[in-house]
Amino acid sequence: MALTRDFKDTVVARAQLDPRFREMLFTEAINAYLGGDTAAGKAILRDLVNATVGFEELAAELNKPSKSLHRMLAPRGNPSTENFFGIVSALQKKARVKLRVTAKAG
C-alpha cells in the first residue's frame, strides 16, 4: 500500500519537532536493515533525510550528487557500504542521535 503525501508530510513535520520521534525513526530504519528489510530501511532513511538534513545538504556533506543519494535510497537503490555508513554518520550528526548496536539472544 502506497503512503499518501499527507502522511509523509506528517512524518516529516513530527520528526522536525520531536527529537525522540527522530531517534525512533532512525532506530527503526537501522533495525529494518539489520533484519533484512532493506526496502523499509531505505524508506525510513529517506523520510529522515527529508526531515533533518535534506538531500542537497547531505550531498554537499558527503561530496556526492544529490540525485545519486536519491537513487541510493530509492526502492531499487543499492548504496555501497561506504555510502550507506556515510549517510548514517551524517544523519547521526544532524539528528543529534548516536546509534549503538546491542545483541540480544534470539
N, C-alpha and C. Protein backbone atom coordinates (compact mmCIF):
# COMPACT_ATOMS: atom_id res chain seq x y z
N MET A 1 0.84 -1.18 0.00
CA MET A 1 0.00 0.00 0.00
C MET A 1 0.88 1.25 0.00
N ALA A 2 0.66 2.14 -0.93
CA ALA A 2 1.44 3.36 -1.04
C ALA A 2 0.99 4.37 0.02
N LEU A 3 1.96 5.11 0.53
CA LEU A 3 1.64 6.14 1.51
C LEU A 3 1.26 7.43 0.81
N THR A 4 0.33 8.16 1.40
CA THR A 4 -0.09 9.42 0.81
C THR A 4 0.91 10.52 1.15
N ARG A 5 0.90 11.57 0.36
CA ARG A 5 1.77 12.70 0.63
C ARG A 5 1.46 13.31 1.99
N ASP A 6 0.18 13.38 2.37
CA ASP A 6 -0.18 13.94 3.67
C ASP A 6 0.49 13.15 4.80
N PHE A 7 0.50 11.83 4.68
CA PHE A 7 1.12 11.00 5.71
C PHE A 7 2.61 11.28 5.78
N LYS A 8 3.28 11.32 4.63
CA LYS A 8 4.72 11.59 4.61
C LYS A 8 5.02 12.98 5.16
N ASP A 9 4.20 13.96 4.81
CA ASP A 9 4.39 15.31 5.34
C ASP A 9 4.23 15.33 6.86
N THR A 10 3.29 14.54 7.36
CA THR A 10 3.07 14.45 8.80
C THR A 10 4.28 13.85 9.50
N VAL A 11 4.84 12.80 8.91
CA VAL A 11 6.04 12.17 9.48
C VAL A 11 7.19 13.16 9.52
N VAL A 12 7.40 13.87 8.42
CA VAL A 12 8.49 14.85 8.35
C VAL A 12 8.27 15.96 9.38
N ALA A 13 7.06 16.48 9.48
CA ALA A 13 6.77 17.55 10.43
C ALA A 13 7.03 17.09 11.87
N ARG A 14 6.58 15.90 12.18
CA ARG A 14 6.78 15.41 13.55
C ARG A 14 8.26 15.18 13.83
N ALA A 15 8.99 14.64 12.86
CA ALA A 15 10.42 14.40 13.05
C ALA A 15 11.17 15.71 13.25
N GLN A 16 10.74 16.77 12.61
CA GLN A 16 11.40 18.06 12.77
C GLN A 16 11.16 18.64 14.16
N LEU A 17 10.02 18.33 14.76
CA LEU A 17 9.66 18.91 16.05
C LEU A 17 9.99 18.04 17.25
N ASP A 18 10.11 16.74 17.06
CA ASP A 18 10.20 15.81 18.18
C ASP A 18 11.49 14.98 18.11
N PRO A 19 12.48 15.33 18.94
CA PRO A 19 13.76 14.60 18.90
C PRO A 19 13.60 13.11 19.18
N ARG A 20 12.71 12.74 20.07
CA ARG A 20 12.51 11.31 20.40
C ARG A 20 11.95 10.57 19.19
N PHE A 21 11.05 11.22 18.44
CA PHE A 21 10.50 10.61 17.23
C PHE A 21 11.60 10.39 16.19
N ARG A 22 12.50 11.39 16.03
CA ARG A 22 13.65 11.24 15.11
C ARG A 22 14.49 10.05 15.53
N GLU A 23 14.75 9.93 16.82
CA GLU A 23 15.55 8.82 17.33
C GLU A 23 14.88 7.48 17.01
N MET A 24 13.58 7.40 17.21
CA MET A 24 12.87 6.15 16.96
C MET A 24 12.82 5.83 15.46
N LEU A 25 12.67 6.85 14.62
CA LEU A 25 12.71 6.62 13.17
C LEU A 25 14.06 6.05 12.75
N PHE A 26 15.10 6.67 13.27
CA PHE A 26 16.45 6.23 12.93
C PHE A 26 16.67 4.79 13.40
N THR A 27 16.28 4.52 14.62
CA THR A 27 16.42 3.16 15.17
C THR A 27 15.64 2.16 14.33
N GLU A 28 14.43 2.52 13.94
CA GLU A 28 13.61 1.61 13.14
C GLU A 28 14.24 1.37 11.76
N ALA A 29 14.82 2.41 11.17
CA ALA A 29 15.47 2.24 9.87
C ALA A 29 16.63 1.25 9.95
N ILE A 30 17.47 1.42 10.95
CA ILE A 30 18.63 0.54 11.09
C ILE A 30 18.19 -0.87 11.46
N ASN A 31 17.20 -1.00 12.34
CA ASN A 31 16.69 -2.33 12.68
C ASN A 31 16.10 -3.02 11.46
N ALA A 32 15.44 -2.28 10.59
CA ALA A 32 14.90 -2.87 9.36
C ALA A 32 16.04 -3.40 8.50
N TYR A 33 17.09 -2.60 8.35
CA TYR A 33 18.26 -3.06 7.58
C TYR A 33 18.85 -4.33 8.19
N LEU A 34 19.08 -4.30 9.49
CA LEU A 34 19.70 -5.45 10.15
C LEU A 34 18.81 -6.68 10.08
N GLY A 35 17.50 -6.47 10.00
CA GLY A 35 16.56 -7.57 9.89
C GLY A 35 16.35 -8.05 8.47
N GLY A 36 17.03 -7.43 7.51
CA GLY A 36 16.93 -7.85 6.12
C GLY A 36 15.87 -7.14 5.30
N ASP A 37 15.14 -6.20 5.90
CA ASP A 37 14.10 -5.45 5.17
C ASP A 37 14.70 -4.13 4.70
N THR A 38 15.55 -4.22 3.67
CA THR A 38 16.24 -3.01 3.20
C THR A 38 15.29 -2.00 2.57
N ALA A 39 14.20 -2.47 1.97
CA ALA A 39 13.23 -1.53 1.37
C ALA A 39 12.63 -0.63 2.45
N ALA A 40 12.23 -1.21 3.56
CA ALA A 40 11.67 -0.40 4.66
C ALA A 40 12.75 0.50 5.25
N GLY A 41 13.96 -0.03 5.41
CA GLY A 41 15.06 0.77 5.95
C GLY A 41 15.35 1.99 5.09
N LYS A 42 15.39 1.80 3.77
CA LYS A 42 15.64 2.93 2.86
C LYS A 42 14.49 3.93 2.90
N ALA A 43 13.27 3.46 2.97
CA ALA A 43 12.11 4.36 3.00
C ALA A 43 12.15 5.24 4.25
N ILE A 44 12.47 4.64 5.37
CA ILE A 44 12.54 5.41 6.62
C ILE A 44 13.72 6.37 6.59
N LEU A 45 14.86 5.94 6.06
CA LEU A 45 16.01 6.84 5.94
C LEU A 45 15.70 8.03 5.04
N ARG A 46 14.97 7.79 3.94
CA ARG A 46 14.56 8.89 3.06
C ARG A 46 13.74 9.92 3.84
N ASP A 47 12.77 9.43 4.62
CA ASP A 47 11.96 10.34 5.43
C ASP A 47 12.82 11.11 6.42
N LEU A 48 13.79 10.43 7.02
CA LEU A 48 14.66 11.07 7.99
C LEU A 48 15.55 12.12 7.33
N VAL A 49 16.07 11.82 6.15
CA VAL A 49 16.87 12.81 5.41
C VAL A 49 16.01 14.04 5.12
N ASN A 50 14.80 13.82 4.62
CA ASN A 50 13.91 14.94 4.31
C ASN A 50 13.55 15.76 5.54
N ALA A 51 13.46 15.12 6.70
CA ALA A 51 13.06 15.81 7.92
C ALA A 51 14.22 16.50 8.63
N THR A 52 15.44 16.14 8.29
CA THR A 52 16.57 16.70 9.02
C THR A 52 17.49 17.50 8.11
N VAL A 53 18.36 16.83 7.43
CA VAL A 53 19.42 17.50 6.68
C VAL A 53 18.97 17.91 5.27
N GLY A 54 18.09 17.17 4.64
CA GLY A 54 17.71 17.42 3.25
C GLY A 54 18.75 16.83 2.32
N PHE A 55 18.33 16.47 1.13
CA PHE A 55 19.24 15.78 0.20
C PHE A 55 20.33 16.70 -0.33
N GLU A 56 20.05 17.98 -0.51
CA GLU A 56 21.09 18.88 -1.03
C GLU A 56 22.21 19.07 -0.01
N GLU A 57 21.86 19.30 1.24
CA GLU A 57 22.89 19.49 2.27
C GLU A 57 23.65 18.18 2.52
N LEU A 58 22.94 17.07 2.51
CA LEU A 58 23.59 15.77 2.67
C LEU A 58 24.58 15.52 1.53
N ALA A 59 24.18 15.87 0.32
CA ALA A 59 25.06 15.71 -0.84
C ALA A 59 26.33 16.53 -0.68
N ALA A 60 26.18 17.75 -0.21
CA ALA A 60 27.36 18.61 -0.01
C ALA A 60 28.28 18.03 1.06
N GLU A 61 27.69 17.51 2.14
CA GLU A 61 28.49 16.95 3.22
C GLU A 61 29.23 15.68 2.78
N LEU A 62 28.59 14.88 1.94
CA LEU A 62 29.21 13.62 1.51
C LEU A 62 29.98 13.75 0.20
N ASN A 63 29.93 14.96 -0.39
CA ASN A 63 30.59 15.21 -1.67
C ASN A 63 30.08 14.25 -2.75
N LYS A 64 28.76 14.11 -2.80
CA LYS A 64 28.08 13.25 -3.78
C LYS A 64 26.95 14.06 -4.41
N PRO A 65 26.60 13.78 -5.64
CA PRO A 65 25.44 14.46 -6.23
C PRO A 65 24.15 14.05 -5.50
N SER A 66 23.26 15.01 -5.29
CA SER A 66 22.02 14.70 -4.57
C SER A 66 21.19 13.66 -5.31
N LYS A 67 21.24 13.69 -6.65
CA LYS A 67 20.49 12.68 -7.41
C LYS A 67 21.01 11.27 -7.13
N SER A 68 22.30 11.14 -6.92
CA SER A 68 22.86 9.83 -6.57
C SER A 68 22.33 9.36 -5.22
N LEU A 69 22.25 10.29 -4.27
CA LEU A 69 21.72 9.93 -2.95
C LEU A 69 20.25 9.53 -3.05
N HIS A 70 19.50 10.26 -3.86
CA HIS A 70 18.08 9.90 -4.07
C HIS A 70 17.99 8.48 -4.63
N ARG A 71 18.83 8.17 -5.60
CA ARG A 71 18.81 6.82 -6.20
C ARG A 71 19.21 5.76 -5.18
N MET A 72 20.22 6.06 -4.36
CA MET A 72 20.67 5.09 -3.36
C MET A 72 19.54 4.70 -2.40
N LEU A 73 18.73 5.68 -2.04
CA LEU A 73 17.67 5.42 -1.06
C LEU A 73 16.31 5.18 -1.71
N ALA A 74 16.31 5.03 -3.02
CA ALA A 74 15.08 4.69 -3.74
C ALA A 74 14.77 3.21 -3.51
N PRO A 75 13.54 2.79 -3.77
CA PRO A 75 13.17 1.38 -3.52
C PRO A 75 14.11 0.37 -4.18
N ARG A 76 14.61 0.66 -5.37
CA ARG A 76 15.52 -0.27 -6.04
C ARG A 76 16.99 0.12 -5.88
N GLY A 77 17.25 1.14 -5.06
CA GLY A 77 18.61 1.61 -4.84
C GLY A 77 19.44 0.60 -4.05
N ASN A 78 20.75 0.70 -4.23
CA ASN A 78 21.66 -0.22 -3.56
C ASN A 78 22.95 0.52 -3.19
N PRO A 79 22.90 1.29 -2.10
CA PRO A 79 24.11 2.04 -1.75
C PRO A 79 25.25 1.12 -1.33
N SER A 80 26.46 1.51 -1.68
CA SER A 80 27.63 0.75 -1.22
C SER A 80 27.71 0.89 0.30
N THR A 81 28.50 0.04 0.90
CA THR A 81 28.68 0.10 2.36
C THR A 81 29.22 1.47 2.76
N GLU A 82 30.20 1.97 2.01
CA GLU A 82 30.78 3.28 2.31
C GLU A 82 29.73 4.37 2.24
N ASN A 83 28.91 4.37 1.21
CA ASN A 83 27.87 5.38 1.07
C ASN A 83 26.81 5.25 2.15
N PHE A 84 26.41 4.01 2.44
CA PHE A 84 25.40 3.78 3.48
C PHE A 84 25.86 4.34 4.81
N PHE A 85 27.08 3.99 5.21
CA PHE A 85 27.57 4.46 6.51
C PHE A 85 27.89 5.95 6.49
N GLY A 86 28.21 6.50 5.34
CA GLY A 86 28.36 7.96 5.23
C GLY A 86 27.04 8.65 5.50
N ILE A 87 25.97 8.12 4.93
CA ILE A 87 24.63 8.66 5.16
C ILE A 87 24.26 8.54 6.63
N VAL A 88 24.50 7.37 7.21
CA VAL A 88 24.17 7.13 8.62
C VAL A 88 24.97 8.08 9.52
N SER A 89 26.23 8.26 9.24
CA SER A 89 27.07 9.16 10.04
C SER A 89 26.58 10.60 9.96
N ALA A 90 26.28 11.06 8.76
CA ALA A 90 25.79 12.43 8.59
C ALA A 90 24.45 12.62 9.29
N LEU A 91 23.58 11.63 9.20
CA LEU A 91 22.28 11.73 9.87
C LEU A 91 22.43 11.73 11.39
N GLN A 92 23.37 10.96 11.91
CA GLN A 92 23.59 10.97 13.35
C GLN A 92 23.96 12.37 13.83
N LYS A 93 24.82 13.04 13.09
CA LYS A 93 25.22 14.40 13.47
C LYS A 93 24.04 15.36 13.40
N LYS A 94 23.33 15.33 12.27
CA LYS A 94 22.26 16.29 12.06
C LYS A 94 21.07 16.03 12.98
N ALA A 95 20.74 14.77 13.19
CA ALA A 95 19.58 14.44 14.02
C ALA A 95 19.96 14.41 15.50
N ARG A 96 21.26 14.57 15.77
CA ARG A 96 21.76 14.52 17.15
C ARG A 96 21.38 13.22 17.83
N VAL A 97 21.62 12.14 17.11
CA VAL A 97 21.32 10.80 17.59
C VAL A 97 22.61 9.98 17.45
N LYS A 98 22.99 9.31 18.50
CA LYS A 98 24.15 8.41 18.44
C LYS A 98 23.62 6.99 18.53
N LEU A 99 23.80 6.24 17.45
CA LEU A 99 23.32 4.87 17.41
C LEU A 99 24.32 3.93 18.07
N ARG A 100 23.79 2.89 18.70
CA ARG A 100 24.61 1.88 19.34
C ARG A 100 23.93 0.55 19.10
N VAL A 101 24.70 -0.44 18.69
CA VAL A 101 24.15 -1.76 18.42
C VAL A 101 24.34 -2.62 19.66
N THR A 102 23.28 -3.30 20.05
CA THR A 102 23.36 -4.26 21.14
C THR A 102 22.80 -5.59 20.66
N ALA A 103 23.35 -6.66 21.18
CA ALA A 103 22.91 -8.01 20.79
C ALA A 103 21.95 -8.56 21.84
N LYS A 104 20.96 -9.28 21.35
CA LYS A 104 20.02 -9.97 22.22
C LYS A 104 19.91 -11.41 21.74
N ALA A 105 19.79 -12.31 22.66
CA ALA A 105 19.61 -13.71 22.29
C ALA A 105 18.27 -13.88 21.58
N GLY A 106 18.28 -14.68 20.51
CA GLY A 106 17.12 -14.86 19.65
C GLY A 106 16.01 -15.58 20.29
